[in-house]
Amino acid sequence: MEEFAIQKGHRNTTVIVDVERKRVLWIERRRSRAQIRPFFEQLGPVRSAQVQAVAMDMDTAYDV
C-alpha cells in the first residue's frame, strides 16, 4: 500500500498492489483509513483474513 502525489498541491492517491502477482488491486484518490475500507469490504471477511502482510510507510493517514 502506497500513497503518492498525483499533482503538486497535495492531491494524493492510494494504491494497493499484489506484489507477488505484480497487479494493482485498488486505486483511491485520497489517503485515509476510511478511503481504503471499501477495498477490504469487497474482499470480504474470509479473504481479508488471508492477508498475510501489508507494507507501507509511516504516514499517519492510515492509523488504526
Protein backbone atom coordinates (compact mmCIF):
# COMPACT_ATOMS: atom_id res chain seq x y z
CA MET A 1 0.00 0.00 0.00
CA GLU A 2 1.48 3.31 -1.06
CA GLU A 3 0.30 6.85 -1.38
CA PHE A 4 1.79 9.38 -3.72
CA ALA A 5 1.09 12.87 -5.04
CA ILE A 6 -0.52 12.91 -8.47
CA GLN A 7 -0.09 16.68 -8.78
CA LYS A 8 1.67 19.35 -6.82
CA GLY A 9 -0.52 20.72 -4.08
CA HIS A 10 -1.14 17.57 -2.01
CA ARG A 11 -3.54 15.69 -4.29
CA ASN A 12 -2.71 12.21 -3.11
CA THR A 13 -3.66 8.79 -4.40
CA THR A 14 -3.50 5.46 -2.60
CA VAL A 15 -2.53 2.31 -4.49
CA ILE A 16 -2.81 -1.25 -3.17
CA VAL A 17 -0.68 -3.75 -5.10
CA ASP A 18 -0.34 -7.53 -5.02
CA VAL A 19 3.47 -7.73 -5.14
CA GLU A 20 3.55 -11.47 -5.81
CA ARG A 21 1.35 -11.19 -8.90
CA LYS A 22 2.56 -7.67 -9.77
CA ARG A 23 -1.00 -6.38 -10.10
CA VAL A 24 -2.69 -3.19 -8.99
CA LEU A 25 -5.68 -4.17 -6.84
CA TRP A 26 -7.09 -0.81 -5.76
CA ILE A 27 -6.64 2.87 -6.55
CA GLU A 28 -8.25 5.60 -4.48
CA ARG A 29 -7.94 9.35 -4.98
CA ARG A 30 -7.44 10.13 -1.30
CA ARG A 31 -5.38 8.70 1.52
CA SER A 32 -7.12 7.68 4.70
CA ARG A 33 -8.28 4.61 6.51
CA ALA A 34 -11.88 5.38 5.51
CA GLN A 35 -10.91 5.51 1.83
CA ILE A 36 -9.40 2.01 1.79
CA ARG A 37 -12.20 0.41 3.82
CA PRO A 38 -14.24 -0.40 0.64
CA PHE A 39 -11.29 -2.43 -0.66
CA PHE A 40 -11.46 -4.73 2.36
CA GLU A 41 -15.26 -4.80 2.24
CA GLN A 42 -15.05 -6.07 -1.35
CA LEU A 43 -12.52 -8.69 -0.31
CA GLY A 44 -14.91 -9.90 2.35
CA PRO A 45 -14.05 -11.25 5.79
CA VAL A 46 -12.63 -14.58 4.62
CA ARG A 47 -10.23 -13.16 2.03
CA SER A 48 -9.33 -10.19 4.26
CA ALA A 49 -8.31 -12.67 6.97
CA GLN A 50 -5.97 -14.32 4.45
CA VAL A 51 -3.89 -11.14 4.01
CA GLN A 52 -0.51 -12.11 5.41
CA ALA A 53 1.34 -8.79 5.38
CA VAL A 54 0.93 -5.14 4.49
CA ALA A 55 3.88 -2.90 3.65
CA MET A 56 3.51 0.85 3.94
CA ASP A 57 5.45 3.86 5.13
CA MET A 58 4.85 5.57 8.46
CA ASP A 59 2.23 8.02 7.15
CA THR A 60 -0.39 8.67 9.84
CA ALA A 61 -3.26 8.78 7.31
CA TYR A 62 -3.84 5.04 7.77
CA ASP A 63 -3.53 4.85 11.58
CA VAL A 64 -5.75 2.27 13.21
